[in-house]
Amino acid sequence: MARIRSIVLKVNDIPRAAAFWTRALGYEASPADPAFLVPPDGDGPRLHLDADDRTHLDLWAASAAEQQAEVERLVALGAVQVDWDYPEDADFVVLADPEGNLFCVVNTAA
């Protein structure tokens, strides 16, 4: 079963938001990308600060097969697959919950 592993938060000023959220949550900026804030013990979802994307959850799946199974399971529960302009090498599928809130199921093995 996929789990919430990342929360994407739309912000206007990434450095300002990072300064606030690292102090508020006790998270650290990822050495690879300071827009990704991670819990220091690795336990819990990371926070992805993004100026372009809308706020949404990322559910992680360990493989393409698990991703497909999760998409099918979530659609059976009432989610709908969203018509999205996917990049050619997309590792995610965009769904909307029954209220219209978008979320992604991400294949972390890709």
PDB file of N, CA and C in Angstrom:
ATOM      1  N   MET A   1       0.847  -1.181   0.000  1.00  0.00           N
ATOM      2  CA  MET A   1       0.000   0.000   0.000  1.00  0.00           C
ATOM      3  C   MET A   1       0.890   1.241   0.000  1.00  0.00           C
ATOM      4  N   ALA A   2       0.553   2.173  -0.847  1.00  0.00           N
ATOM      5  CA  ALA A   2       1.306   3.426  -0.923  1.00  0.00           C
ATOM      6  C   ALA A   2       1.092   4.234   0.353  1.00  0.00           C
ATOM      7  N   ARG A   3       2.082   5.013   0.693  1.00  0.00           N
ATOM      8  CA  ARG A   3       2.039   5.857   1.886  1.00  0.00           C
ATOM      9  C   ARG A   3       2.353   7.303   1.493  1.00  0.00           C
ATOM     10  N   ILE A   4       1.882   8.242   2.305  1.00  0.00           N
ATOM     11  CA  ILE A   4       2.258   9.637   2.096  1.00  0.00           C
ATOM     12  C   ILE A   4       3.738   9.757   2.444  1.00  0.00           C
ATOM     13  N   ARG A   5       4.543  10.081   1.448  1.00  0.00           N
ATOM     14  CA  ARG A   5       5.979  10.239   1.672  1.00  0.00           C
ATOM     15  C   ARG A   5       6.440  11.646   1.345  1.00  0.00           C
ATOM     16  N   SER A   6       5.565  12.424   0.698  1.00  0.00           N
ATOM     17  CA  SER A   6       5.937  13.788   0.382  1.00  0.00           C
ATOM     18  C   SER A   6       4.677  14.639   0.306  1.00  0.00           C
ATOM     19  N   ILE A   7       4.775  15.832   0.842  1.00  0.00           N
ATOM     20  CA  ILE A   7       3.715  16.818   0.727  1.00  0.00           C
ATOM     21  C   ILE A   7       4.301  17.971  -0.084  1.00  0.00           C
ATOM     22  N   VAL A   8       3.667  18.278  -1.196  1.00  0.00           N
ATOM     23  CA  VAL A   8       4.118  19.377  -2.045  1.00  0.00           C
ATOM     24  C   VAL A   8       3.338  20.616  -1.627  1.00  0.00           C
ATOM     25  N   LEU A   9       4.058  21.646  -1.253  1.00  0.00           N
ATOM     26  CA  LEU A   9       3.440  22.874  -0.778  1.00  0.00           C
ATOM     27  C   LEU A   9       3.784  24.008  -1.735  1.00  0.00           C
ATOM     28  N   LYS A  10       2.766  24.608  -2.321  1.00  0.00           N
ATOM     29  CA  LYS A  10       2.988  25.738  -3.232  1.00  0.00           C
ATOM     30  C   LYS A  10       3.364  26.959  -2.401  1.00  0.00           C
ATOM     31  N   VAL A  11       4.501  27.549  -2.735  1.00  0.00           N
ATOM     32  CA  VAL A  11       4.987  28.743  -2.039  1.00  0.00           C
ATOM     33  C   VAL A  11       5.456  29.755  -3.079  1.00  0.00           C
ATOM     34  N   ASN A  12       5.524  31.005  -2.676  1.00  0.00           N
ATOM     35  CA  ASN A  12       6.019  32.051  -3.571  1.00  0.00           C
ATOM     36  C   ASN A  12       7.508  32.303  -3.406  1.00  0.00           C
ATOM     37  N   ASP A  13       8.025  32.077  -2.203  1.00  0.00           N
ATOM     38  CA  ASP A  13       9.424  32.375  -1.893  1.00  0.00           C
ATOM     39  C   ASP A  13      10.013  31.149  -1.198  1.00  0.00           C
ATOM     40  N   ILE A  14      10.709  30.313  -1.954  1.00  0.00           N
ATOM     41  CA  ILE A  14      11.218  29.052  -1.407  1.00  0.00           C
ATOM     42  C   ILE A  14      12.185  29.273  -0.243  1.00  0.00           C
ATOM     43  N   PRO A  15      13.184  30.162  -0.347  1.00  0.00           N
ATOM     44  CA  PRO A  15      14.081  30.345   0.798  1.00  0.00           C
ATOM     45  C   PRO A  15      13.350  30.811   2.067  1.00  0.00           C
ATOM     46  N   ARG A  16      12.408  31.721   1.909  1.00  0.00           N
ATOM     47  CA  ARG A  16      11.657  32.199   3.079  1.00  0.00           C
ATOM     48  C   ARG A  16      10.817  31.081   3.666  1.00  0.00           C
ATOM     49  N   ALA A  17      10.138  30.327   2.805  1.00  0.00           N
ATOM     50  CA  ALA A  17       9.323  29.206   3.283  1.00  0.00           C
ATOM     51  C   ALA A  17      10.196  28.143   3.933  1.00  0.00           C
ATOM     52  N   ALA A  18      11.354  27.861   3.344  1.00  0.00           N
ATOM     53  CA  ALA A  18      12.265  26.864   3.916  1.00  0.00           C
ATOM     54  C   ALA A  18      12.737  27.295   5.298  1.00  0.00           C
ATOM     55  N   ALA A  19      13.061  28.571   5.453  1.00  0.00           N
ATOM     56  CA  ALA A  19      13.495  29.064   6.754  1.00  0.00           C
ATOM     57  C   ALA A  19      12.403  28.872   7.800  1.00  0.00           C
ATOM     58  N   PHE A  20      11.171  29.167   7.432  1.00  0.00           N
ATOM     59  CA  PHE A  20      10.059  28.994   8.363  1.00  0.00           C
ATOM     60  C   PHE A  20       9.813  27.526   8.687  1.00  0.00           C
ATOM     61  N   TRP A  21       9.653  26.688   7.641  1.00  0.00           N
ATOM     62  CA  TRP A  21       9.261  25.299   7.866  1.00  0.00           C
ATOM     63  C   TRP A  21      10.349  24.459   8.508  1.00  0.00           C
ATOM     64  N   THR A  22      11.621  24.766   8.261  1.00  0.00           N
ATOM     65  CA  THR A  22      12.666  24.008   8.958  1.00  0.00           C
ATOM     66  C   THR A  22      12.594  24.276  10.454  1.00  0.00           C
ATOM     67  N   ARG A  23      12.352  25.519  10.831  1.00  0.00           N
ATOM     68  CA  ARG A  23      12.228  25.839  12.262  1.00  0.00           C
ATOM     69  C   ARG A  23      10.911  25.314  12.832  1.00  0.00           C
ATOM     70  N   ALA A  24       9.831  25.443  12.085  1.00  0.00           N
ATOM     71  CA  ALA A  24       8.517  25.025  12.591  1.00  0.00           C
ATOM     72  C   ALA A  24       8.437  23.519  12.807  1.00  0.00           C
ATOM     73  N   LEU A  25       9.052  22.742  11.901  1.00  0.00           N
ATOM     74  CA  LEU A  25       8.936  21.283  11.967  1.00  0.00           C
ATOM     75  C   LEU A  25      10.181  20.586  12.505  1.00  0.00           C
ATOM     76  N   GLY A  26      11.278  21.327  12.648  1.00  0.00           N
ATOM     77  CA  GLY A  26      12.532  20.700  13.033  1.00  0.00           C
ATOM     78  C   GLY A  26      13.130  19.889  11.895  1.00  0.00           C
ATOM     79  N   TYR A  27      12.705  20.180  10.663  1.00  0.00           N
ATOM     80  CA  TYR A  27      13.214  19.488   9.484  1.00  0.00           C
ATOM     81  C   TYR A  27      14.535  20.119   9.054  1.00  0.00           C
ATOM     82  N   GLU A  28      15.217  19.433   8.136  1.00  0.00           N
ATOM     83  CA  GLU A  28      16.463  19.923   7.561  1.00  0.00           C
ATOM     84  C   GLU A  28      16.304  20.001   6.053  1.00  0.00           C
ATOM     85  N   ALA A  29      17.012  20.941   5.446  1.00  0.00           N
ATOM     86  CA  ALA A  29      17.026  21.008   3.983  1.00  0.00           C
ATOM     87  C   ALA A  29      17.835  19.833   3.454  1.00  0.00           C
ATOM     88  N   SER A  30      17.328  19.206   2.412  1.00  0.00           N
ATOM     89  CA  SER A  30      18.050  18.106   1.784  1.00  0.00           C
ATOM     90  C   SER A  30      19.331  18.653   1.155  1.00  0.00           C
ATOM     91  N   PRO A  31      20.471  17.952   1.342  1.00  0.00           N
ATOM     92  CA  PRO A  31      21.703  18.419   0.708  1.00  0.00           C
ATOM     93  C   PRO A  31      21.600  18.449  -0.822  1.00  0.00           C
ATOM     94  N   ALA A  32      20.778  17.576  -1.387  1.00  0.00           N
ATOM     95  CA  ALA A  32      20.636  17.504  -2.843  1.00  0.00           C
ATOM     96  C   ALA A  32      19.791  18.652  -3.395  1.00  0.00           C
ATOM     97  N   ASP A  33      18.827  19.141  -2.605  1.00  0.00           N
ATOM     98  CA  ASP A  33      17.932  20.191  -3.081  1.00  0.00           C
ATOM     99  C   ASP A  33      17.298  20.878  -1.879  1.00  0.00           C
ATOM    100  N   PRO A  34      17.636  22.144  -1.620  1.00  0.00           N
ATOM    101  CA  PRO A  34      17.108  22.833  -0.435  1.00  0.00           C
ATOM    102  C   PRO A  34      15.600  23.073  -0.471  1.00  0.00           C
ATOM    103  N   ALA A  35      14.932  22.790  -1.587  1.00  0.00           N
ATOM    104  CA  ALA A  35      13.469  22.903  -1.647  1.00  0.00           C
ATOM    105  C   ALA A  35      12.801  21.664  -1.064  1.00  0.00           C
ATOM    106  N   PHE A  36      13.586  20.633  -0.769  1.00  0.00           N
ATOM    107  CA  PHE A  36      13.074  19.429  -0.122  1.00  0.00           C
ATOM    108  C   PHE A  36      13.503  19.443   1.332  1.00  0.00           C
ATOM    109  N   LEU A  37      12.542  19.484   2.223  1.00  0.00           N
ATOM    110  CA  LEU A  37      12.827  19.476   3.650  1.00  0.00           C
ATOM    111  C   LEU A  37      12.516  18.078   4.184  1.00  0.00           C
ATOM    112  N   VAL A  38      13.436  17.553   4.984  1.00  0.00           N
ATOM    113  CA  VAL A  38      13.311  16.175   5.458  1.00  0.00           C
ATOM    114  C   VAL A  38      13.434  16.122   6.971  1.00  0.00           C
ATOM    115  N   PRO A  39      12.734  15.156   7.597  1.00  0.00           N
ATOM    116  CA  PRO A  39      12.906  14.987   9.034  1.00  0.00           C
ATOM    117  C   PRO A  39      14.321  14.469   9.306  1.00  0.00           C
ATOM    118  N   PRO A  40      14.984  14.978  10.337  1.00  0.00           N
ATOM    119  CA  PRO A  40      16.376  14.593  10.567  1.00  0.00           C
ATOM    120  C   PRO A  40      16.557  13.098  10.831  1.00  0.00           C
ATOM    121  N   ASP A  41      15.560  12.440  11.402  1.00  0.00           N
ATOM    122  CA  ASP A  41      15.669  11.000  11.666  1.00  0.00           C
ATOM    123  C   ASP A  41      15.138  10.156  10.510  1.00  0.00           C
ATOM    124  N   GLY A  42      14.670  10.819   9.454  1.00  0.00           N
ATOM    125  CA  GLY A  42      14.149  10.097   8.300  1.00  0.00           C
ATOM    126  C   GLY A  42      12.757   9.533   8.491  1.00  0.00           C
ATOM    127  N   ASP A  43      12.151   9.761   9.640  1.00  0.00           N
ATOM    128  CA  ASP A  43      10.827   9.219   9.931  1.00  0.00           C
ATOM    129  C   ASP A  43       9.753  10.268   9.658  1.00  0.00           C
ATOM    130  N   GLY A  44       8.973  10.043   8.625  1.00  0.00           N
ATOM    131  CA  GLY A  44       7.897  10.963   8.293  1.00  0.00           C
ATOM    132  C   GLY A  44       8.029  11.474   6.870  1.00  0.00           C
ATOM    133  N   PRO A  45       6.992  12.105   6.386  1.00  0.00           N
ATOM    134  CA  PRO A  45       7.015  12.605   5.008  1.00  0.00           C
ATOM    135  C   PRO A  45       7.941  13.805   4.874  1.00  0.00           C
ATOM    136  N   ARG A  46       8.478  13.971   3.694  1.00  0.00           N
ATOM    137  CA  ARG A  46       9.269  15.156   3.429  1.00  0.00           C
ATOM    138  C   ARG A  46       8.343  16.254   2.910  1.00  0.00           C
ATOM    139  N   LEU A  47       8.794  17.460   2.996  1.00  0.00           N
ATOM    140  CA  LEU A  47       8.031  18.615   2.532  1.00  0.00           C
ATOM    141  C   LEU A  47       8.757  19.188   1.326  1.00  0.00           C
ATOM    142  N   HIS A  48       8.059  19.223   0.188  1.00  0.00           N
ATOM    143  CA  HIS A  48       8.641  19.749  -1.050  1.00  0.00           C
ATOM    144  C   HIS A  48       8.048  21.125  -1.290  1.00  0.00           C
ATOM    145  N   LEU A  49       8.873  22.138  -1.243  1.00  0.00           N
ATOM    146  CA  LEU A  49       8.439  23.514  -1.482  1.00  0.00           C
ATOM    147  C   LEU A  49       8.574  23.798  -2.971  1.00  0.00           C
ATOM    148  N   ASP A  50       7.493  24.237  -3.588  1.00  0.00           N
ATOM    149  CA  ASP A  50       7.480  24.393  -5.039  1.00  0.00           C
ATOM    150  C   ASP A  50       6.730  25.660  -5.410  1.00  0.00           C
ATOM    151  N   ALA A  51       7.341  26.488  -6.244  1.00  0.00           N
ATOM    152  CA  ALA A  51       6.714  27.747  -6.659  1.00  0.00           C
ATOM    153  C   ALA A  51       5.755  27.563  -7.826  1.00  0.00           C
ATOM    154  N   ASP A  52       5.831  26.428  -8.507  1.00  0.00           N
ATOM    155  CA  ASP A  52       5.030  26.231  -9.710  1.00  0.00           C
ATOM    156  C   ASP A  52       3.860  25.269  -9.537  1.00  0.00           C
ATOM    157  N   ASP A  53       4.036  24.266  -8.726  1.00  0.00           N
ATOM    158  CA  ASP A  53       3.034  23.212  -8.588  1.00  0.00           C
ATOM    159  C   ASP A  53       2.020  23.578  -7.515  1.00  0.00           C
ATOM    160  N   ARG A  54       0.840  23.001  -7.587  1.00  0.00           N
ATOM    161  CA  ARG A  54      -0.160  23.252  -6.560  1.00  0.00           C
ATOM    162  C   ARG A  54       0.079  22.320  -5.380  1.00  0.00           C
ATOM    163  N   THR A  55      -0.458  22.679  -4.234  1.00  0.00           N
ATOM    164  CA  THR A  55      -0.318  21.868  -3.029  1.00  0.00           C
ATOM    165  C   THR A  55      -1.023  20.530  -3.235  1.00  0.00           C
ATOM    166  N   HIS A  56      -0.298  19.450  -2.923  1.00  0.00           N
ATOM    167  CA  HIS A  56      -0.877  18.112  -3.058  1.00  0.00           C
ATOM    168  C   HIS A  56      -0.033  17.083  -2.311  1.00  0.00           C
ATOM    169  N   LEU A  57      -0.583  15.897  -2.161  1.00  0.00           N
ATOM    170  CA  LEU A  57       0.128  14.783  -1.546  1.00  0.00           C
ATOM    171  C   LEU A  57       0.795  13.942  -2.619  1.00  0.00           C
ATOM    172  N   ASP A  58       1.945  13.386  -2.286  1.00  0.00           N
ATOM    173  CA  ASP A  58       2.592  12.381  -3.120  1.00  0.00           C
ATOM    174  C   ASP A  58       2.578  11.065  -2.348  1.00  0.00           C
ATOM    175  N   LEU A  59       1.948  10.059  -2.935  1.00  0.00           N
ATOM    176  CA  LEU A  59       1.963   8.720  -2.369  1.00  0.00           C
ATOM    177  C   LEU A  59       3.039   7.941  -3.109  1.00  0.00           C
ATOM    178  N   TRP A  60       3.909   7.268  -2.388  1.00  0.00           N
ATOM    179  CA  TRP A  60       5.018   6.566  -3.019  1.00  0.00           C
ATOM    180  C   TRP A  60       4.725   5.087  -3.138  1.00  0.00           C
ATOM    181  N   ALA A  61       5.076   4.530  -4.269  1.00  0.00           N
ATOM    182  CA  ALA A  61       5.000   3.093  -4.528  1.00  0.00           C
ATOM    183  C   ALA A  61       6.408   2.610  -4.855  1.00  0.00           C
ATOM    184  N   ALA A  62       6.714   1.371  -4.488  1.00  0.00           N
ATOM    185  CA  ALA A  62       8.081   0.851  -4.599  1.00  0.00           C
ATOM    186  C   ALA A  62       8.442   0.349  -5.998  1.00  0.00           C
ATOM    187  N   SER A  63       7.458   0.202  -6.875  1.00  0.00           N
ATOM    188  CA  SER A  63       7.736  -0.321  -8.216  1.00  0.00           C
ATOM    189  C   SER A  63       6.610   0.104  -9.155  1.00  0.00           C
ATOM    190  N   ALA A  64       6.824  -0.120 -10.447  1.00  0.00           N
ATOM    191  CA  ALA A  64       5.788   0.188 -11.430  1.00  0.00           C
ATOM    192  C   ALA A  64       4.554  -0.686 -11.196  1.00  0.00           C
ATOM    193  N   ALA A  65       4.783  -1.946 -10.839  1.00  0.00           N
ATOM    194  CA  ALA A  65       3.646  -2.845 -10.584  1.00  0.00           C
ATOM    195  C   ALA A  65       2.850  -2.390  -9.363  1.00  0.00           C
ATOM    196  N   GLU A  66       3.553  -1.982  -8.310  1.00  0.00           N
ATOM    197  CA  GLU A  66       2.854  -1.488  -7.117  1.00  0.00           C
ATOM    198  C   GLU A  66       2.127  -0.190  -7.423  1.00  0.00           C
ATOM    199  N   GLN A  67       2.736   0.668  -8.221  1.00  0.00           N
ATOM    200  CA  GLN A  67       2.092   1.914  -8.604  1.00  0.00           C
ATOM    201  C   GLN A  67       0.785   1.636  -9.348  1.00  0.00           C
ATOM    202  N   GLN A  68       0.833   0.739 -10.316  1.00  0.00           N
ATOM    203  CA  GLN A  68      -0.364   0.402 -11.094  1.00  0.00           C
ATOM    204  C   GLN A  68      -1.441  -0.187 -10.200  1.00  0.00           C
ATOM    205  N   ALA A  69      -1.049  -1.081  -9.289  1.00  0.00           N
ATOM    206  CA  ALA A  69      -2.015  -1.690  -8.366  1.00  0.00           C
ATOM    207  C   ALA A  69      -2.649  -0.625  -7.469  1.00  0.00           C
ATOM    208  N   GLU A  70      -1.850   0.334  -7.010  1.00  0.00           N
ATOM    209  CA  GLU A  70      -2.379   1.396  -6.152  1.00  0.00           C
ATOM    210  C   GLU A  70      -3.330   2.308  -6.918  1.00  0.00           C
ATOM    211  N   VAL A  71      -2.967   2.646  -8.145  1.00  0.00           N
ATOM    212  CA  VAL A  71      -3.851   3.475  -8.967  1.00  0.00           C
ATOM    213  C   VAL A  71      -5.185   2.758  -9.145  1.00  0.00           C
ATOM    214  N   GLU A  72      -5.157   1.492  -9.472  1.00  0.00           N
ATOM    215  CA  GLU A  72      -6.399   0.721  -9.648  1.00  0.00           C
ATOM    216  C   GLU A  72      -7.198   0.659  -8.354  1.00  0.00           C
ATOM    217  N   ARG A  73      -6.522   0.435  -7.229  1.00  0.00           N
ATOM    218  CA  ARG A  73      -7.201   0.360  -5.932  1.00  0.00           C
ATOM    219  C   ARG A  73      -7.852   1.691  -5.588  1.00  0.00           C
ATOM    220  N   LEU A  74      -7.124   2.781  -5.807  1.00  0.00           N
ATOM    221  CA  LEU A  74      -7.649   4.104  -5.468  1.00  0.00           C
ATOM    222  C   LEU A  74      -8.805   4.498  -6.379  1.00  0.00           C
ATOM    223  N   VAL A  75      -8.724   4.140  -7.643  1.00  0.00           N
ATOM    224  CA  VAL A  75      -9.835   4.396  -8.560  1.00  0.00           C
ATOM    225  C   VAL A  75     -11.062   3.604  -8.115  1.00  0.00           C
ATOM    226  N   ALA A  76     -10.859   2.369  -7.676  1.00  0.00           N
ATOM    227  CA  ALA A  76     -11.982   1.557  -7.177  1.00  0.00           C
ATOM    228  C   ALA A  76     -12.612   2.183  -5.932  1.00  0.00           C
ATOM    229  N   LEU A  77     -11.817   2.949  -5.176  1.00  0.00           N
ATOM    230  CA  LEU A  77     -12.334   3.620  -3.981  1.00  0.00           C
ATOM    231  C   LEU A  77     -13.030   4.942  -4.296  1.00  0.00           C
ATOM    232  N   GLY A  78     -12.928   5.419  -5.546  1.00  0.00           N
ATOM    233  CA  GLY A  78     -13.611   6.652  -5.922  1.00  0.00           C
ATOM    234  C   GLY A  78     -12.731   7.728  -6.521  1.00  0.00           C
ATOM    235  N   ALA A  79     -11.418   7.493  -6.583  1.00  0.00           N
ATOM    236  CA  ALA A  79     -10.537   8.472  -7.228  1.00  0.00           C
ATOM    237  C   ALA A  79     -10.747   8.400  -8.739  1.00  0.00           C
ATOM    238  N   VAL A  80     -10.350   9.452  -9.430  1.00  0.00           N
ATOM    239  CA  VAL A  80     -10.390   9.452 -10.893  1.00  0.00           C
ATOM    240  C   VAL A  80      -9.015   9.859 -11.408  1.00  0.00           C
ATOM    241  N   GLN A  81      -8.600   9.237 -12.507  1.00  0.00           N
ATOM    242  CA  GLN A  81      -7.335   9.617 -13.108  1.00  0.00           C
ATOM    243  C   GLN A  81      -7.536  10.927 -13.856  1.00  0.00           C
ATOM    244  N   VAL A  82      -6.613  11.838 -13.667  1.00  0.00           N
ATOM    245  CA  VAL A  82      -6.706  13.174 -14.230  1.00  0.00           C
ATOM    246  C   VAL A  82      -5.966  13.214 -15.566  1.00  0.00           C
ATOM    247  N   ASP A  83      -6.584  13.841 -16.552  1.00  0.00           N
ATOM    248  CA  ASP A  83      -5.931  14.055 -17.834  1.00  0.00           C
ATOM    249  C   ASP A  83      -4.854  15.105 -17.608  1.00  0.00           C
ATOM    250  N   TRP A  84      -3.604  14.699 -17.704  1.00  0.00           N
ATOM    251  CA  TRP A  84      -2.482  15.555 -17.331  1.00  0.00           C
ATOM    252  C   TRP A  84      -1.483  15.587 -18.469  1.00  0.00           C
ATOM    253  N   ASP A  85      -0.775  16.661 -18.606  1.00  0.00           N
ATOM    254  CA  ASP A  85       0.283  16.782 -19.606  1.00  0.00           C
ATOM    255  C   ASP A  85       1.563  16.193 -19.000  1.00  0.00           C
ATOM    256  N   TYR A  86       1.677  14.860 -19.077  1.00  0.00           N
ATOM    257  CA  TYR A  86       2.800  14.165 -18.457  1.00  0.00           C
ATOM    258  C   TYR A  86       4.073  14.348 -19.274  1.00  0.00           C
ATOM    259  N   PRO A  87       5.211  14.531 -18.582  1.00  0.00           N
ATOM    260  CA  PRO A  87       6.469  14.495 -19.323  1.00  0.00           C
ATOM    261  C   PRO A  87       6.719  13.073 -19.819  1.00  0.00           C
ATOM    262  N   GLU A  88       7.580  12.936 -20.808  1.00  0.00           N
ATOM    263  CA  GLU A  88       7.822  11.633 -21.419  1.00  0.00           C
ATOM    264  C   GLU A  88       8.307  10.594 -20.410  1.00  0.00           C
ATOM    265  N   ASP A  89       9.120  10.997 -19.450  1.00  0.00           N
ATOM    266  CA  ASP A  89       9.690  10.061 -18.475  1.00  0.00           C
ATOM    267  C   ASP A  89       8.979  10.138 -17.117  1.00  0.00           C
ATOM    268  N   ALA A  90       7.699  10.442 -17.113  1.00  0.00           N
ATOM    269  CA  ALA A  90       6.946  10.622 -15.870  1.00  0.00           C
ATOM    270  C   ALA A  90       7.001   9.367 -15.007  1.00  0.00           C
ATOM    271  N   ASP A  91       7.258   9.575 -13.717  1.00  0.00           N
ATOM    272  CA  ASP A  91       7.248   8.490 -12.749  1.00  0.00           C
ATOM    273  C   ASP A  91       6.029   8.603 -11.828  1.00  0.00           C
ATOM    274  N   PHE A  92       5.063   9.412 -12.214  1.00  0.00           N
ATOM    275  CA  PHE A  92       3.898   9.667 -11.380  1.00  0.00           C
ATOM    276  C   PHE A  92       2.613   9.589 -12.199  1.00  0.00           C
ATOM    277  N   VAL A  93       1.528   9.307 -11.483  1.00  0.00           N
ATOM    278  CA  VAL A  93       0.183   9.324 -12.058  1.00  0.00           C
ATOM    279  C   VAL A  93      -0.625  10.300 -11.217  1.00  0.00           C
ATOM    280  N   VAL A  94      -1.322  11.212 -11.856  1.00  0.00           N
ATOM    281  CA  VAL A  94      -2.130  12.207 -11.150  1.00  0.00           C
ATOM    282  C   VAL A  94      -3.561  11.693 -11.033  1.00  0.00           C
ATOM    283  N   LEU A  95      -4.047  11.701  -9.801  1.00  0.00           N
ATOM    284  CA  LEU A  95      -5.425  11.308  -9.507  1.00  0.00           C
ATOM    285  C   LEU A  95      -6.107  12.449  -8.766  1.00  0.00           C
ATOM    286  N   ALA A  96      -7.427  12.408  -8.724  1.00  0.00           N
ATOM    287  CA  ALA A  96      -8.209  13.334  -7.907  1.00  0.00           C
ATOM    288  C   ALA A  96      -9.085  12.499  -6.986  1.00  0.00           C
ATOM    289  N   ASP A  97      -9.162  12.924  -5.736  1.00  0.00           N
ATOM    290  CA  ASP A  97     -10.042  12.225  -4.793  1.00  0.00           C
ATOM    291  C   ASP A  97     -11.494  12.593  -5.091  1.00  0.00           C
ATOM    292  N   PRO A  98     -12.467  12.008  -4.405  1.00  0.00           N
ATOM    293  CA  PRO A  98     -13.874  12.315  -4.701  1.00  0.00           C
ATOM    294  C   PRO A  98     -14.257  13.781  -4.527  1.00  0.00           C
ATOM    295  N   GLU A  99     -13.440  14.551  -3.783  1.00  0.00           N
ATOM    296  CA  GLU A  99     -13.707  15.981  -3.609  1.00  0.00           C
ATOM    297  C   GLU A  99     -12.993  16.831  -4.658  1.00  0.00           C
ATOM    298  N   GLY A 100     -12.200  16.201  -5.536  1.00  0.00           N
ATOM    299  CA  GLY A 100     -11.480  16.922  -6.573  1.00  0.00           C
ATOM    300  C   GLY A 100     -10.071  17.328  -6.203  1.00  0.00           C
ATOM    301  N   ASN A 101      -9.608  16.935  -5.002  1.00  0.00           N
ATOM    302  CA  ASN A 101      -8.242  17.258  -4.593  1.00  0.00           C
ATOM    303  C   ASN A 101      -7.260  16.372  -5.337  1.00  0.00           C
ATOM    304  N   LEU A 102      -6.261  16.985  -5.948  1.00  0.00           N
ATOM    305  CA  LEU A 102      -5.270  16.231  -6.707  1.00  0.00           C
ATOM    306  C   LEU A 102      -4.243  15.604  -5.781  1.00  0.00           C
ATOM    307  N   PHE A 103      -3.730  14.445  -6.197  1.00  0.00           N
ATOM    308  CA  PHE A 103      -2.610  13.790  -5.539  1.00  0.00           C
ATOM    309  C   PHE A 103      -1.908  12.925  -6.554  1.00  0.00           C
ATOM    310  N   CYS A 104      -0.690  12.543  -6.266  1.00  0.00           N
ATOM    311  CA  CYS A 104       0.100  11.737  -7.200  1.00  0.00           C
ATOM    312  C   CYS A 104       0.461  10.403  -6.563  1.00  0.00           C
ATOM    313  N   VAL A 105       0.537   9.388  -7.406  1.00  0.00           N
ATOM    314  CA  VAL A 105       1.094   8.099  -7.017  1.00  0.00           C
ATOM    315  C   VAL A 105       2.407   7.992  -7.777  1.00  0.00           C
ATOM    316  N   VAL A 106       3.508   7.950  -7.033  1.00  0.00           N
ATOM    317  CA  VAL A 106       4.849   8.040  -7.608  1.00  0.00           C
ATOM    318  C   VAL A 106       5.536   6.683  -7.542  1.00  0.00           C
ATOM    319  N   ASN A 107       6.094   6.277  -8.666  1.00  0.00           N
ATOM    320  CA  ASN A 107       6.904   5.063  -8.732  1.00  0.00           C
ATOM    321  C   ASN A 107       8.318   5.457  -8.336  1.00  0.00           C
ATOM    322  N   THR A 108       8.737   5.114  -7.120  1.00  0.00           N
ATOM    323  CA  THR A 108      10.047   5.529  -6.633  1.00  0.00           C
ATOM    324  C   THR A 108      11.185   4.707  -7.215  1.00  0.00           C
ATOM    325  N   ALA A 109      10.867   3.623  -7.924  1.00  0.00           N
ATOM    326  CA  ALA A 109      11.906   2.813  -8.552  1.00  0.00           C
ATOM    327  C   ALA A 109      12.297   3.363  -9.914  1.00  0.00           C
ATOM    328  N   ALA A 110      11.531   4.288 -10.436  1.00  0.00           N
ATOM    329  CA  ALA A 110      11.792   4.820 -11.787  1.00  0.00           C
ATOM    330  C   ALA A 110      13.009   5.718 -11.802  1.00  0.00           C
TER     331      ALA A 110
END
